[in-house]
């Protein structure tokens, strides 16, 4: 049985945690630790096109910020799933545990599932609400 009094706070905790983790991976790891050229080089070394690194960095930073703020939560969570599927596929050959050399696949697989859970749950509490566009205002007025 879902407790409807606390469920919005659980969704918020998940949303903010996912957002912080994405922001940490995109900004702290890929930009500040490896550097953008290093990240591009890594993507190329594993067979991905270099431009994909820029999209992943943008997705992780922008998506992380959007989740932290609670903006477009369902859509953002689903848009991030392909990034995490790619990360999971990259780690499959390393075995199950993320402590394995090169990192295993259980962490990115779990992260992928949590994004799907977030998409199913929605914003939760304390999410920013952007004003409706003019077209949406007209649609909601009828």
C-alpha atoms as a PDB file:
ATOM      1  CA  UNK A   1       0.000   0.000   0.000  1.00  0.00           C
ATOM      2  CA  UNK A   2       1.362   3.393  -0.983  1.00  0.00           C
ATOM      3  CA  UNK A   3       1.256   6.051   1.716  1.00  0.00           C
ATOM      4  CA  UNK A   4      -0.054   9.061  -0.213  1.00  0.00           C
ATOM      5  CA  UNK A   5       1.144  11.431   2.524  1.00  0.00           C
ATOM      6  CA  UNK A   6       4.822  10.483   2.162  1.00  0.00           C
ATOM      7  CA  UNK A   7       5.028   9.318  -1.481  1.00  0.00           C
ATOM      8  CA  UNK A   8       5.608  12.839  -2.871  1.00  0.00           C
ATOM      9  CA  UNK A   9       8.609  13.235  -0.556  1.00  0.00           C
ATOM     10  CA  UNK A  10      10.004   9.857  -1.624  1.00  0.00           C
ATOM     11  CA  UNK A  11       9.700  10.917  -5.277  1.00  0.00           C
ATOM     12  CA  UNK A  12      11.484  14.180  -4.438  1.00  0.00           C
ATOM     13  CA  UNK A  13      14.299  12.360  -2.646  1.00  0.00           C
ATOM     14  CA  UNK A  14      14.772  10.085  -5.657  1.00  0.00           C
ATOM     15  CA  UNK A  15      14.554  12.997  -8.116  1.00  0.00           C
ATOM     16  CA  UNK A  16      17.126  15.142  -6.304  1.00  0.00           C
ATOM     17  CA  UNK A  17      19.452  12.170  -5.740  1.00  0.00           C
ATOM     18  CA  UNK A  18      19.345  11.247  -9.423  1.00  0.00           C
ATOM     19  CA  UNK A  19      19.908  14.872 -10.388  1.00  0.00           C
ATOM     20  CA  UNK A  20      22.913  15.279  -8.092  1.00  0.00           C
ATOM     21  CA  UNK A  21      24.438  12.046  -9.339  1.00  0.00           C
ATOM     22  CA  UNK A  22      23.988  13.091 -12.970  1.00  0.00           C
ATOM     23  CA  UNK A  23      25.431  16.520 -12.270  1.00  0.00           C
ATOM     24  CA  UNK A  24      28.421  14.957 -10.507  1.00  0.00           C
ATOM     25  CA  UNK A  25      29.112  12.608 -13.412  1.00  0.00           C
ATOM     26  CA  UNK A  26      28.649  15.239 -16.108  1.00  0.00           C
ATOM     27  CA  UNK A  27      30.345  18.201 -14.474  1.00  0.00           C
ATOM     28  CA  UNK A  28      32.760  16.906 -11.852  1.00  0.00           C
ATOM     29  CA  UNK A  29      33.858  13.710 -13.602  1.00  0.00           C
ATOM     30  CA  UNK A  30      33.598  14.385 -17.335  1.00  0.00           C
ATOM     31  CA  UNK A  31      34.354  18.130 -17.402  1.00  0.00           C
ATOM     32  CA  UNK A  32      36.630  18.783 -14.401  1.00  0.00           C
ATOM     33  CA  UNK A  33      38.333  15.404 -13.846  1.00  0.00           C
ATOM     34  CA  UNK A  34      38.759  13.936 -17.341  1.00  0.00           C
ATOM     35  CA  UNK A  35      38.263  17.211 -19.199  1.00  0.00           C
ATOM     36  CA  UNK A  36      36.097  17.527 -22.277  1.00  0.00           C
ATOM     37  CA  UNK A  37      38.895  16.494 -24.680  1.00  0.00           C
ATOM     38  CA  UNK A  38      39.679  13.502 -22.439  1.00  0.00           C
ATOM     39  CA  UNK A  39      36.026  12.487 -22.361  1.00  0.00           C
ATOM     40  CA  UNK A  40      35.773  12.808 -26.142  1.00  0.00           C
ATOM     41  CA  UNK A  41      38.932  10.716 -26.486  1.00  0.00           C
ATOM     42  CA  UNK A  42      37.542   8.063 -24.156  1.00  0.00           C
ATOM     43  CA  UNK A  43      34.301   7.840 -26.121  1.00  0.00           C
ATOM     44  CA  UNK A  44      36.307   7.414 -29.326  1.00  0.00           C
ATOM     45  CA  UNK A  45      38.544   4.777 -27.721  1.00  0.00           C
ATOM     46  CA  UNK A  46      35.514   2.605 -26.921  1.00  0.00           C
ATOM     47  CA  UNK A  47      34.050   2.959 -30.391  1.00  0.00           C
ATOM     48  CA  UNK A  48      31.539   5.769 -29.866  1.00  0.00           C
ATOM     49  CA  UNK A  49      31.675   8.872 -32.092  1.00  0.00           C
ATOM     50  CA  UNK A  50      33.403  11.774 -30.333  1.00  0.00           C
ATOM     51  CA  UNK A  51      30.436  14.138 -30.721  1.00  0.00           C
ATOM     52  CA  UNK A  52      28.399  11.769 -28.545  1.00  0.00           C
ATOM     53  CA  UNK A  53      30.543  12.790 -25.565  1.00  0.00           C
ATOM     54  CA  UNK A  54      29.280  16.366 -25.885  1.00  0.00           C
ATOM     55  CA  UNK A  55      25.666  15.167 -25.960  1.00  0.00           C
ATOM     56  CA  UNK A  56      26.216  12.971 -22.909  1.00  0.00           C
ATOM     57  CA  UNK A  57      27.885  15.804 -20.987  1.00  0.00           C
ATOM     58  CA  UNK A  58      25.056  18.166 -21.921  1.00  0.00           C
ATOM     59  CA  UNK A  59      22.449  15.539 -21.035  1.00  0.00           C
ATOM     60  CA  UNK A  60      23.992  14.750 -17.675  1.00  0.00           C
ATOM     61  CA  UNK A  61      24.514  18.371 -16.634  1.00  0.00           C
ATOM     62  CA  UNK A  62      21.265  19.770 -18.060  1.00  0.00           C
ATOM     63  CA  UNK A  63      19.234  16.734 -17.074  1.00  0.00           C
ATOM     64  CA  UNK A  64      20.743  16.724 -13.595  1.00  0.00           C
ATOM     65  CA  UNK A  65      19.855  20.374 -13.042  1.00  0.00           C
ATOM     66  CA  UNK A  66      16.336  19.853 -14.420  1.00  0.00           C
ATOM     67  CA  UNK A  67      15.754  16.889 -12.100  1.00  0.00           C
ATOM     68  CA  UNK A  68      17.089  18.732  -9.056  1.00  0.00           C
ATOM     69  CA  UNK A  69      14.687  21.585  -9.788  1.00  0.00           C
ATOM     70  CA  UNK A  70      11.823  19.278 -10.720  1.00  0.00           C
ATOM     71  CA  UNK A  71      11.431  20.620 -14.260  1.00  0.00           C
ATOM     72  CA  UNK A  72       9.883  18.275 -16.842  1.00  0.00           C
ATOM     73  CA  UNK A  73      10.758  15.361 -14.564  1.00  0.00           C
ATOM     74  CA  UNK A  74       9.025  12.562 -16.458  1.00  0.00           C
ATOM     75  CA  UNK A  75      10.377  13.623 -19.853  1.00  0.00           C
ATOM     76  CA  UNK A  76      13.899  14.353 -18.617  1.00  0.00           C
ATOM     77  CA  UNK A  77      14.121  11.017 -16.807  1.00  0.00           C
ATOM     78  CA  UNK A  78      13.076   9.156 -19.954  1.00  0.00           C
ATOM     79  CA  UNK A  79      15.414  11.193 -22.164  1.00  0.00           C
ATOM     80  CA  UNK A  80      18.323  10.216 -19.901  1.00  0.00           C
ATOM     81  CA  UNK A  81      17.591   6.473 -20.146  1.00  0.00           C
ATOM     82  CA  UNK A  82      19.523   6.023 -23.446  1.00  0.00           C
ATOM     83  CA  UNK A  83      22.614   7.616 -21.876  1.00  0.00           C
ATOM     84  CA  UNK A  84      22.489   5.130 -19.031  1.00  0.00           C
ATOM     85  CA  UNK A  85      21.780   2.212 -21.351  1.00  0.00           C
ATOM     86  CA  UNK A  86      24.925   3.229 -23.257  1.00  0.00           C
ATOM     87  CA  UNK A  87      26.877   3.339 -19.997  1.00  0.00           C
ATOM     88  CA  UNK A  88      25.500  -0.066 -19.013  1.00  0.00           C
ATOM     89  CA  UNK A  89      26.477  -1.563 -22.368  1.00  0.00           C
ATOM     90  CA  UNK A  90      29.977  -0.102 -22.007  1.00  0.00           C
ATOM     91  CA  UNK A  91      30.425  -1.907 -18.675  1.00  0.00           C
ATOM     92  CA  UNK A  92      28.808  -5.265 -19.564  1.00  0.00           C
ATOM     93  CA  UNK A  93      32.113  -6.873 -20.517  1.00  0.00           C
ATOM     94  CA  UNK A  94      33.609  -6.019 -17.133  1.00  0.00           C
ATOM     95  CA  UNK A  95      31.300  -8.264 -15.133  1.00  0.00           C
ATOM     96  CA  UNK A  96      28.539  -7.616 -12.662  1.00  0.00           C
ATOM     97  CA  UNK A  97      30.100  -5.665  -9.792  1.00  0.00           C
ATOM     98  CA  UNK A  98      31.081  -2.052 -10.303  1.00  0.00           C
ATOM     99  CA  UNK A  99      34.191  -2.716  -8.189  1.00  0.00           C
ATOM    100  CA  UNK A 100      35.508  -4.935 -11.027  1.00  0.00           C
ATOM    101  CA  UNK A 101      38.338  -3.578 -13.167  1.00  0.00           C
ATOM    102  CA  UNK A 102      36.775  -1.016 -15.522  1.00  0.00           C
ATOM    103  CA  UNK A 103      33.564  -1.013 -13.480  1.00  0.00           C
ATOM    104  CA  UNK A 104      30.797  -3.590 -13.731  1.00  0.00           C
ATOM    105  CA  UNK A 105      27.335  -3.049 -15.095  1.00  0.00           C
ATOM    106  CA  UNK A 106      25.122  -3.274 -12.002  1.00  0.00           C
ATOM    107  CA  UNK A 107      25.430   0.416 -11.086  1.00  0.00           C
ATOM    108  CA  UNK A 108      24.492   1.910 -14.487  1.00  0.00           C
ATOM    109  CA  UNK A 109      21.753  -0.734 -14.884  1.00  0.00           C
ATOM    110  CA  UNK A 110      20.317   0.213 -11.480  1.00  0.00           C
ATOM    111  CA  UNK A 111      20.602   3.909 -12.378  1.00  0.00           C
ATOM    112  CA  UNK A 112      18.691   3.245 -15.610  1.00  0.00           C
ATOM    113  CA  UNK A 113      15.881   1.550 -13.707  1.00  0.00           C
ATOM    114  CA  UNK A 114      15.713   4.385 -11.180  1.00  0.00           C
ATOM    115  CA  UNK A 115      15.233   6.875 -14.032  1.00  0.00           C
ATOM    116  CA  UNK A 116      12.292   4.782 -15.247  1.00  0.00           C
ATOM    117  CA  UNK A 117      10.893   4.694 -11.701  1.00  0.00           C
ATOM    118  CA  UNK A 118      11.239   8.488 -11.514  1.00  0.00           C
ATOM    119  CA  UNK A 119       9.411   8.866 -14.824  1.00  0.00           C
ATOM    120  CA  UNK A 120       6.576   6.741 -13.438  1.00  0.00           C
ATOM    121  CA  UNK A 121       6.441   8.676 -10.146  1.00  0.00           C
ATOM    122  CA  UNK A 122       6.632  12.196 -11.559  1.00  0.00           C
ATOM    123  CA  UNK A 123       7.884  15.331  -9.845  1.00  0.00           C
ATOM    124  CA  UNK A 124       7.115  14.677  -6.217  1.00  0.00           C
ATOM    125  CA  UNK A 125       7.086  17.552  -3.741  1.00  0.00           C
ATOM    126  CA  UNK A 126       8.983  20.833  -4.044  1.00  0.00           C
ATOM    127  CA  UNK A 127       9.232  20.848  -7.831  1.00  0.00           C
ATOM    128  CA  UNK A 128       9.379  24.121  -9.696  1.00  0.00           C
ATOM    129  CA  UNK A 129       6.375  24.815 -11.853  1.00  0.00           C
ATOM    130  CA  UNK A 130       6.972  26.907 -14.935  1.00  0.00           C
ATOM    131  CA  UNK A 131       4.092  29.092 -16.084  1.00  0.00           C
ATOM    132  CA  UNK A 132       2.009  27.518 -18.792  1.00  0.00           C
ATOM    133  CA  UNK A 133       2.601  28.755 -22.301  1.00  0.00           C
ATOM    134  CA  UNK A 134      -0.137  30.808 -23.966  1.00  0.00           C
ATOM    135  CA  UNK A 135      -1.250  27.785 -25.997  1.00  0.00           C
ATOM    136  CA  UNK A 136      -1.443  25.619 -22.873  1.00  0.00           C
ATOM    137  CA  UNK A 137      -3.367  28.328 -21.000  1.00  0.00           C
ATOM    138  CA  UNK A 138      -5.987  28.405 -23.747  1.00  0.00           C
ATOM    139  CA  UNK A 139      -6.224  24.617 -23.750  1.00  0.00           C
ATOM    140  CA  UNK A 140      -6.687  24.499 -19.962  1.00  0.00           C
ATOM    141  CA  UNK A 141      -9.282  27.278 -20.038  1.00  0.00           C
ATOM    142  CA  UNK A 142     -11.768  25.130 -21.957  1.00  0.00           C
END
